[in-house]
Amino acid sequence: MTIPQRLLDFAADLTAIRRDLHEHPELGFQEVRTAGIVAANLRAWGIEVHEGIGKTGVVGLLQGNRPGRRIGLRADMDALPIHEQTNLPFASKTPGVMHACGHDAHTTMLLGAARYLAETRDFAGTAVFIFQPAEEGLGGGRAMIADGLFRRFPCDEIYGMHNSPYHPPGVIGVKPGPAMAGANFFDITITAKGCHAAMPESGIDAVVIAASLVAQIQTIAARNVAPTSPVVVSVTQIHAGAAYNVIPEVATLAGTVRYFDRAVADLVTQRMQALCDGVARGYGVSVRLDMRNVFDVLENDPALSDAMIEQARALVGDKAALKTDLVMGSEDFADMLQVVPGAYCTVGHAGNIPVHNPGFVLDDDVLPLGAALMARMVQARGAA
C-alpha cells in the first residue's frame, strides 16, 4: 500500500476528528456542529469556504499550482436515528442518534484529502470539496443541487466513496454503470372505524386491514415483476393504536421500493395503488397511498470508473476490483451523478457488524486510505 507519508503523519489527527464527530452525531439538516468543524478546518488550511449550501452543506475550493479542470469530491455528514450500543469510549453522547453508517468517516476522509492537497498544492485545476447534509433519505444532495451547487461551483467530474464492513480491509470496489438501486419511499394511511375491543362488530378494524395489506404488498415483487428485474418492496413501519381495549380507527404503513428500472418502480406503484383501492372497496374504508421518489439509480460513468480503479490500484494493488455486484441499497450521490459525470466506490475495512446496526464499529485504519484515494483523484484528473 502506497499511502503518502504526509497523510500517515497526520493519521492520528484524522482519528481524533472522526471520533469527535462520532461522539456528537447530528441528524439530517441538523449538522450545525459538524458543518462548523468542517468549515473551521478548511479555513485553517487556507481553503476558501462557503457555508449554508442546501441548508447545512459546506463547499471548499482549493486552487492547484497550475491550470486545469475542476474535480469534485463529496462526503456526507449526517447520522441515523439509532441508539448506539457499542460501549466505545467515544460513543454517541446524543441519545437515539448514532453514526451507524460511517458518515463520520466519510467527512473525515474528505477533510484528510483537503488537508493533504492544501499542504502540497501539487495538482492542476481546482479541487471542489463538497460536504453534504441529509443523505439518509432526506434529500440532502437534491437540496444542495437546488441551492445552485453546480451552478455556483461547477465541476467537470465528481467522486465519492463509502466505507464497507462487507469487504476485507483495503479492498476498493467500483461497479461501472448502474451500481446502486433507486428508491421510492411510501406511506399508506388506513382510516377505518374505531370501537371498543370487546365489540369489534361495531367498528371496522384498521389493524386487521393493515396486516392484510402488508401480506398483499409482498406479492408484488414475487408475482408481478419478472425475476430478471431486481426489485425489493419492504414494509418497514406499522403504527396503530394506543390502548389495550380500543380497536384503532387509523393505521399507517411505511416502507421502501428499491429498483434499477424506473418502469419497474412505476409498475410497483400501480400495483400498490390497485391493492390499496381494492382493500378500500372491500372493507368500506379510506386507504391513501403516498409514493415519492427519494433516490435515483446510482450510475457510475464507465470511463471514470476505470479512472478511479486505476488510482485505487496505485494505492492497494490488485485488491482494487473493477467488477462489484449490484447493491440494492441506495445513495443520494446518485443525484449528483445525474448532473456531473463521476464514480462512487466502496472501501473495505475491518469489522463484521453491518452498517445501520446499533453495534456498528468503524475501523479508523481506513481513514488515511480513503483520504489518499480522494486526493489522488484530484491529482490525476485535474490535468486529464
Protein backbone atom coordinates (compact mmCIF):
# COMPACT_ATOMS: atom_id res chain seq x y z
CA MET A 1 0.00 0.00 0.00
CA THR A 2 1.46 3.35 -1.03
CA ILE A 3 -0.31 5.99 1.07
CA PRO A 4 1.71 9.25 1.05
CA GLN A 5 3.84 9.62 4.16
CA ARG A 6 2.41 13.06 4.91
CA LEU A 7 -1.07 11.57 5.18
CA LEU A 8 0.24 8.90 7.52
CA ASP A 9 1.92 11.63 9.58
CA PHE A 10 -1.41 13.19 10.46
CA ALA A 11 -3.47 9.97 10.59
CA ALA A 12 -3.84 10.40 14.36
CA ASP A 13 -5.39 13.82 13.75
CA LEU A 14 -7.91 12.22 11.40
CA THR A 15 -8.79 9.61 14.01
CA ALA A 16 -9.34 12.35 16.59
CA ILE A 17 -11.65 14.25 14.23
CA ARG A 18 -13.62 11.12 13.33
CA ARG A 19 -14.09 10.10 16.95
CA ASP A 20 -15.20 13.60 17.92
CA LEU A 21 -17.78 13.58 15.13
CA HIS A 22 -18.88 10.12 16.21
CA GLU A 23 -19.34 11.32 19.78
CA HIS A 24 -21.52 14.23 18.63
CA PRO A 25 -23.73 12.90 15.81
CA GLU A 26 -26.37 15.07 14.14
CA LEU A 27 -29.37 14.08 12.04
CA GLY A 28 -30.00 15.30 8.51
CA PHE A 29 -30.25 19.08 8.06
CA GLN A 30 -29.22 19.47 11.72
CA GLU A 31 -25.46 19.11 11.12
CA VAL A 32 -24.64 22.56 12.52
CA ARG A 33 -21.77 21.47 14.76
CA THR A 34 -20.37 19.09 12.14
CA ALA A 35 -20.53 21.74 9.40
CA GLY A 36 -18.82 24.20 11.73
CA ILE A 37 -15.94 21.80 12.38
CA VAL A 38 -15.60 21.15 8.64
CA ALA A 39 -15.58 24.86 7.81
CA ALA A 40 -13.12 25.72 10.59
CA ASN A 41 -10.64 23.07 9.49
CA LEU A 42 -10.86 24.04 5.82
CA ARG A 43 -10.22 27.70 6.66
CA ALA A 44 -7.30 26.76 8.90
CA TRP A 45 -5.71 25.01 5.91
CA GLY A 46 -6.16 28.03 3.63
CA ILE A 47 -9.15 26.70 1.69
CA GLU A 48 -11.92 29.01 0.50
CA VAL A 49 -15.13 28.09 2.35
CA HIS A 50 -18.81 28.50 1.51
CA GLU A 51 -21.41 27.52 4.13
CA GLY A 52 -25.16 27.02 4.20
CA ILE A 53 -25.41 25.27 0.83
CA GLY A 54 -28.60 23.20 0.91
CA LYS A 55 -29.17 24.42 4.49
CA THR A 56 -26.19 22.89 6.31
CA GLY A 57 -23.86 21.87 3.47
CA VAL A 58 -20.31 23.15 3.13
CA VAL A 59 -18.20 23.63 0.00
CA GLY A 60 -14.46 24.25 -0.05
CA LEU A 61 -12.47 25.46 -3.06
CA LEU A 62 -8.73 24.94 -3.49
CA GLN A 63 -6.65 26.04 -6.46
CA GLY A 64 -3.77 23.86 -7.59
CA ASN A 65 -0.36 25.15 -8.68
CA ARG A 66 -1.23 25.13 -12.38
CA PRO A 67 -4.31 25.49 -14.60
CA GLY A 68 -6.58 22.50 -15.08
CA ARG A 69 -10.04 21.08 -14.60
CA ARG A 70 -12.46 21.26 -11.67
CA ILE A 71 -12.73 17.97 -9.76
CA GLY A 72 -15.46 17.50 -7.18
CA LEU A 73 -15.10 15.27 -4.10
CA ARG A 74 -18.17 14.62 -1.97
CA ALA A 75 -18.77 13.29 1.55
CA ASP A 76 -21.97 13.06 3.62
CA MET A 77 -22.23 14.31 7.20
CA ASP A 78 -25.49 13.10 8.79
CA ALA A 79 -26.09 10.38 11.37
CA LEU A 80 -29.01 7.98 11.90
CA PRO A 81 -31.85 7.84 14.45
CA ILE A 82 -30.33 4.79 16.19
CA HIS A 83 -29.39 4.41 19.85
CA GLU A 84 -25.74 3.35 20.00
CA GLN A 85 -24.85 0.09 21.75
CA THR A 86 -21.08 -0.16 21.19
CA ASN A 87 -19.80 0.89 24.65
CA LEU A 88 -16.96 2.71 22.92
CA PRO A 89 -15.22 5.42 24.98
CA PHE A 90 -16.26 7.88 22.25
CA ALA A 91 -19.79 6.52 21.80
CA SER A 92 -22.58 8.93 20.92
CA LYS A 93 -23.50 11.41 23.64
CA THR A 94 -26.80 12.12 21.91
CA PRO A 95 -29.46 9.56 22.90
CA GLY A 96 -31.14 7.96 19.92
CA VAL A 97 -28.66 9.33 17.36
CA MET A 98 -25.60 7.46 16.06
CA HIS A 99 -23.11 7.44 13.22
CA ALA A 100 -24.04 3.87 12.30
CA CYS A 101 -23.23 4.19 8.60
CA GLY A 102 -19.75 5.73 8.59
CA HIS A 103 -20.60 9.26 7.53
CA ASP A 104 -18.31 10.50 10.27
CA ALA A 105 -15.54 8.62 8.44
CA HIS A 106 -16.55 9.97 5.02
CA THR A 107 -16.39 13.53 6.35
CA THR A 108 -13.03 12.86 7.96
CA MET A 109 -11.53 11.22 4.87
CA LEU A 110 -12.51 14.20 2.73
CA LEU A 111 -11.03 16.54 5.33
CA GLY A 112 -7.85 14.46 5.16
CA ALA A 113 -7.72 14.78 1.38
CA ALA A 114 -8.34 18.53 1.65
CA ARG A 115 -5.53 18.99 4.19
CA TYR A 116 -3.08 16.96 2.13
CA LEU A 117 -3.86 18.80 -1.09
CA ALA A 118 -3.72 22.18 0.67
CA GLU A 119 -0.29 21.38 2.08
CA THR A 120 1.19 20.03 -1.13
CA ARG A 121 -0.70 22.07 -3.81
CA ASP A 122 0.80 19.70 -6.36
CA PHE A 123 -2.15 19.38 -8.72
CA ALA A 124 -3.71 21.06 -11.70
CA GLY A 125 -7.03 22.87 -11.66
CA THR A 126 -9.44 23.25 -8.76
CA ALA A 127 -10.50 20.83 -6.05
CA VAL A 128 -14.14 21.25 -5.01
CA PHE A 129 -14.76 19.69 -1.58
CA ILE A 130 -18.49 19.03 -1.08
CA PHE A 131 -19.73 18.17 2.42
CA GLN A 132 -23.36 17.17 2.04
CA PRO A 133 -26.09 17.09 4.67
CA ALA A 134 -29.02 14.71 4.99
CA GLU A 135 -28.04 11.71 2.89
CA GLU A 136 -30.15 9.27 4.89
CA GLY A 137 -33.38 9.60 2.93
CA LEU A 138 -33.94 13.33 3.45
CA GLY A 139 -32.73 14.58 0.07
CA GLY A 140 -29.59 16.48 1.05
CA GLY A 141 -27.99 16.01 -2.35
CA ARG A 142 -31.04 17.37 -4.13
CA ALA A 143 -31.18 20.27 -1.66
CA MET A 144 -27.60 21.29 -2.48
CA ILE A 145 -28.26 20.99 -6.22
CA ALA A 146 -31.44 23.07 -5.90
CA ASP A 147 -29.41 25.66 -4.00
CA GLY A 148 -27.15 26.06 -7.03
CA LEU A 149 -24.32 23.71 -6.07
CA PHE A 150 -23.06 23.04 -9.58
CA ARG A 151 -24.02 26.45 -10.92
CA ARG A 152 -22.03 28.20 -8.20
CA PHE A 153 -19.25 25.60 -8.00
CA PRO A 154 -19.10 23.86 -11.39
CA CYS A 155 -17.32 20.51 -11.61
CA ASP A 156 -16.06 18.60 -14.63
CA GLU A 157 -16.12 15.32 -12.71
CA ILE A 158 -17.17 14.24 -9.23
CA TYR A 159 -16.22 11.32 -6.97
CA GLY A 160 -17.46 9.79 -3.74
CA MET A 161 -16.94 6.75 -1.54
CA HIS A 162 -18.47 4.65 1.21
CA ASN A 163 -16.78 2.59 3.89
CA SER A 164 -17.61 -1.12 3.74
CA PRO A 165 -17.50 -3.73 6.52
CA TYR A 166 -18.67 -6.23 3.88
CA HIS A 167 -15.27 -6.35 2.15
CA PRO A 168 -11.79 -7.11 3.50
CA PRO A 169 -9.60 -4.19 4.58
CA GLY A 170 -8.02 -2.37 1.65
CA VAL A 171 -10.37 -3.76 -0.99
CA ILE A 172 -11.66 -0.91 -3.17
CA GLY A 173 -14.60 -1.70 -5.42
CA VAL A 174 -16.19 0.21 -8.27
CA LYS A 175 -19.01 -1.03 -10.49
CA PRO A 176 -19.25 0.75 -13.86
CA GLY A 177 -22.76 1.69 -14.98
CA PRO A 178 -25.77 1.10 -12.69
CA ALA A 179 -24.36 0.25 -9.27
CA MET A 180 -26.87 1.11 -6.52
CA ALA A 181 -30.65 1.00 -6.58
CA GLY A 182 -33.02 3.88 -6.87
CA ALA A 183 -35.54 4.19 -4.06
CA ASN A 184 -39.12 5.27 -3.59
CA PHE A 185 -40.45 5.74 -0.06
CA PHE A 186 -44.13 5.18 0.63
CA ASP A 187 -46.69 5.89 3.33
CA ILE A 188 -50.14 4.27 3.49
CA THR A 189 -52.87 5.64 5.75
CA ILE A 190 -55.89 3.42 6.52
CA THR A 191 -58.83 5.24 8.04
CA ALA A 192 -61.47 2.79 9.27
CA LYS A 193 -63.92 2.87 12.22
CA GLY A 194 -62.72 2.64 15.79
CA CYS A 195 -64.63 0.84 18.51
CA HIS A 196 -64.38 -1.00 21.83
CA ALA A 197 -62.13 -4.06 21.63
CA ALA A 198 -64.87 -6.17 23.19
CA MET A 199 -67.32 -5.25 20.43
CA PRO A 200 -65.42 -5.49 17.12
CA GLU A 201 -68.65 -5.91 15.18
CA SER A 202 -69.48 -2.26 15.85
CA GLY A 203 -66.42 -0.97 14.04
CA ILE A 204 -64.05 -1.70 11.16
CA ASP A 205 -60.62 -2.89 12.31
CA ALA A 206 -57.77 -0.85 10.82
CA VAL A 207 -55.18 -3.25 12.29
CA VAL A 208 -56.64 -6.29 10.52
CA ILE A 209 -56.79 -4.32 7.27
CA ALA A 210 -53.17 -3.20 7.67
CA ALA A 211 -52.00 -6.76 8.29
CA SER A 212 -53.86 -7.97 5.21
CA LEU A 213 -52.39 -5.21 3.08
CA VAL A 214 -48.83 -5.98 4.22
CA ALA A 215 -49.24 -9.56 3.02
CA GLN A 216 -50.69 -8.45 -0.29
CA ILE A 217 -47.89 -5.94 -0.91
CA GLN A 218 -45.34 -8.72 -0.60
CA THR A 219 -46.87 -10.47 -3.63
CA ILE A 220 -45.93 -7.61 -5.97
CA ALA A 221 -42.25 -8.48 -6.35
CA ALA A 222 -42.99 -12.21 -6.36
CA ARG A 223 -45.88 -12.25 -8.82
CA ASN A 224 -45.95 -9.01 -10.83
CA VAL A 225 -42.29 -8.27 -11.60
CA ALA A 226 -40.12 -10.50 -13.79
CA PRO A 227 -37.47 -12.39 -11.78
CA THR A 228 -34.82 -10.90 -14.08
CA SER A 229 -35.66 -7.36 -12.90
CA PRO A 230 -34.23 -6.69 -9.43
CA VAL A 231 -36.73 -5.07 -7.07
CA VAL A 232 -37.25 -5.11 -3.31
CA VAL A 233 -40.52 -3.98 -1.72
CA SER A 234 -40.30 -3.67 2.07
CA VAL A 235 -42.85 -2.57 4.63
CA THR A 236 -40.69 -1.20 7.43
CA GLN A 237 -43.19 0.53 9.72
CA ILE A 238 -46.63 -0.30 11.15
CA HIS A 239 -48.31 2.14 13.54
CA ALA A 240 -51.75 1.81 15.10
CA GLY A 241 -53.49 2.11 18.43
CA ALA A 242 -52.65 3.40 21.88
CA ALA A 243 -54.75 1.26 24.26
CA TYR A 244 -55.41 -2.41 25.03
CA ASN A 245 -59.18 -2.08 24.85
CA VAL A 246 -59.59 0.13 21.78
CA ILE A 247 -59.65 -1.02 18.17
CA PRO A 248 -58.00 1.98 16.48
CA GLU A 249 -59.58 3.97 13.73
CA VAL A 250 -56.32 4.69 11.90
CA ALA A 251 -53.35 2.50 10.96
CA THR A 252 -50.34 3.56 8.92
CA LEU A 253 -47.74 1.61 6.97
CA ALA A 254 -44.45 2.85 5.55
CA GLY A 255 -41.60 1.36 3.57
CA THR A 256 -39.41 1.45 0.50
CA VAL A 257 -39.23 0.22 -3.07
CA ARG A 258 -35.71 -0.43 -4.42
CA TYR A 259 -35.27 -0.75 -8.17
CA PHE A 260 -32.92 -0.37 -11.13
CA ASP A 261 -35.56 0.24 -13.80
CA ARG A 262 -37.94 3.18 -13.44
CA ALA A 263 -40.59 1.24 -15.39
CA VAL A 264 -40.45 -1.46 -12.71
CA ALA A 265 -40.82 1.16 -10.00
CA ASP A 266 -43.86 2.56 -11.82
CA LEU A 267 -45.35 -0.93 -12.06
CA VAL A 268 -44.91 -1.43 -8.32
CA THR A 269 -46.64 1.90 -7.66
CA GLN A 270 -49.55 0.95 -9.94
CA ARG A 271 -49.98 -2.44 -8.28
CA MET A 272 -49.73 -0.98 -4.80
CA GLN A 273 -52.36 1.63 -5.65
CA ALA A 274 -54.61 -1.10 -7.05
CA LEU A 275 -54.23 -3.13 -3.86
CA CYS A 276 -54.99 -0.10 -1.71
CA ASP A 277 -58.07 0.70 -3.80
CA GLY A 278 -59.24 -2.91 -3.61
CA VAL A 279 -58.85 -3.06 0.16
CA ALA A 280 -60.66 0.25 0.50
CA ARG A 281 -63.63 -1.04 -1.52
CA GLY A 282 -63.65 -4.44 0.13
CA TYR A 283 -63.70 -3.13 3.69
CA GLY A 284 -65.53 0.13 3.07
CA VAL A 285 -62.72 2.31 4.39
CA SER A 286 -60.33 5.00 3.15
CA VAL A 287 -56.82 3.91 2.11
CA ARG A 288 -54.44 6.62 0.90
CA LEU A 289 -51.07 5.86 -0.73
CA ASP A 290 -48.30 8.44 -0.86
CA MET A 291 -45.38 7.25 -3.05
CA ARG A 292 -42.40 9.54 -3.58
CA ASN A 293 -39.01 9.17 -5.22
CA VAL A 294 -36.11 9.74 -2.82
CA PHE A 295 -33.03 8.42 -4.68
CA ASP A 296 -32.17 7.97 -8.34
CA VAL A 297 -30.34 4.87 -9.53
CA LEU A 298 -26.63 5.45 -8.94
CA GLU A 299 -24.86 5.13 -12.27
CA ASN A 300 -21.08 5.29 -12.46
CA ASP A 301 -19.59 6.65 -15.66
CA PRO A 302 -17.72 3.67 -17.21
CA ALA A 303 -14.63 5.63 -18.24
CA LEU A 304 -14.40 7.47 -14.92
CA SER A 305 -14.94 4.20 -13.06
CA ASP A 306 -11.84 2.92 -14.82
CA ALA A 307 -10.01 6.11 -13.84
CA MET A 308 -10.95 5.61 -10.19
CA ILE A 309 -9.88 1.97 -10.23
CA GLU A 310 -6.58 2.98 -11.80
CA GLN A 311 -5.86 5.29 -8.85
CA ALA A 312 -7.09 2.67 -6.39
CA ARG A 313 -4.70 0.10 -7.81
CA ALA A 314 -1.86 2.57 -7.41
CA LEU A 315 -2.69 2.55 -3.69
CA VAL A 316 -3.62 -1.07 -2.93
CA GLY A 317 -2.58 -3.06 -5.99
CA ASP A 318 -4.74 -5.96 -7.09
CA LYS A 319 -7.06 -5.52 -4.09
CA ALA A 320 -8.82 -2.92 -6.22
CA ALA A 321 -11.57 -4.84 -8.00
CA LEU A 322 -13.26 -3.28 -11.02
CA LYS A 323 -16.31 -5.54 -11.05
CA THR A 324 -18.51 -5.49 -7.97
CA ASP A 325 -22.11 -6.64 -7.63
CA LEU A 326 -25.26 -4.55 -7.86
CA VAL A 327 -26.30 -3.19 -4.48
CA MET A 328 -29.98 -2.90 -3.60
CA GLY A 329 -29.17 -0.16 -1.11
CA SER A 330 -29.44 3.44 -2.27
CA GLU A 331 -27.23 6.51 -2.11
CA ASP A 332 -28.20 10.06 -2.93
CA PHE A 333 -24.82 10.77 -4.51
CA ALA A 334 -26.78 9.33 -7.44
CA ASP A 335 -28.48 12.71 -7.81
CA MET A 336 -25.14 14.47 -8.22
CA LEU A 337 -24.07 11.88 -10.79
CA GLN A 338 -27.21 12.76 -12.76
CA VAL A 339 -25.75 16.26 -13.21
CA VAL A 340 -21.96 15.70 -13.29
CA PRO A 341 -20.22 12.53 -14.53
CA GLY A 342 -18.19 10.63 -11.99
CA ALA A 343 -17.87 7.46 -9.95
CA TYR A 344 -18.55 6.08 -6.49
CA CYS A 345 -16.56 3.36 -4.76
CA THR A 346 -16.54 1.25 -1.62
CA VAL A 347 -13.51 0.92 0.67
CA GLY A 348 -13.30 -2.22 2.80
CA HIS A 349 -12.34 -2.11 6.47
CA ALA A 350 -12.06 -4.44 9.46
CA GLY A 351 -15.17 -5.44 11.38
CA ASN A 352 -18.13 -7.67 10.62
CA ILE A 353 -21.07 -5.73 12.07
CA PRO A 354 -23.23 -4.29 9.29
CA VAL A 355 -23.97 -0.61 8.87
CA HIS A 356 -27.27 0.74 10.22
CA ASN A 357 -26.77 -1.51 13.26
CA PRO A 358 -26.56 -0.10 16.83
CA GLY A 359 -23.37 -2.10 17.37
CA PHE A 360 -21.56 -0.89 14.24
CA VAL A 361 -17.88 -0.04 14.84
CA LEU A 362 -15.76 1.64 12.18
CA ASP A 363 -12.09 0.76 11.66
CA ASP A 364 -10.10 4.01 11.86
CA ASP A 365 -7.28 2.49 9.82
CA VAL A 366 -9.42 3.11 6.71
CA LEU A 367 -9.19 6.91 7.11
CA PRO A 368 -5.77 7.54 5.50
CA LEU A 369 -6.59 5.17 2.65
CA GLY A 370 -9.86 6.93 1.84
CA ALA A 371 -8.18 10.33 2.08
CA ALA A 372 -5.35 9.19 -0.19
CA LEU A 373 -7.74 7.91 -2.86
CA MET A 374 -9.73 11.13 -2.89
CA ALA A 375 -6.56 13.20 -3.13
CA ARG A 376 -5.29 11.06 -6.00
CA MET A 377 -8.48 11.63 -7.96
CA VAL A 378 -7.81 15.38 -7.89
CA GLN A 379 -4.15 14.95 -8.77
CA ALA A 380 -4.88 12.53 -11.63
CA ARG A 381 -7.99 14.08 -13.11
CA GLY A 382 -7.29 17.79 -12.74
CA ALA A 383 -4.84 17.57 -15.61
CA ALA A 384 -6.72 14.90 -17.60
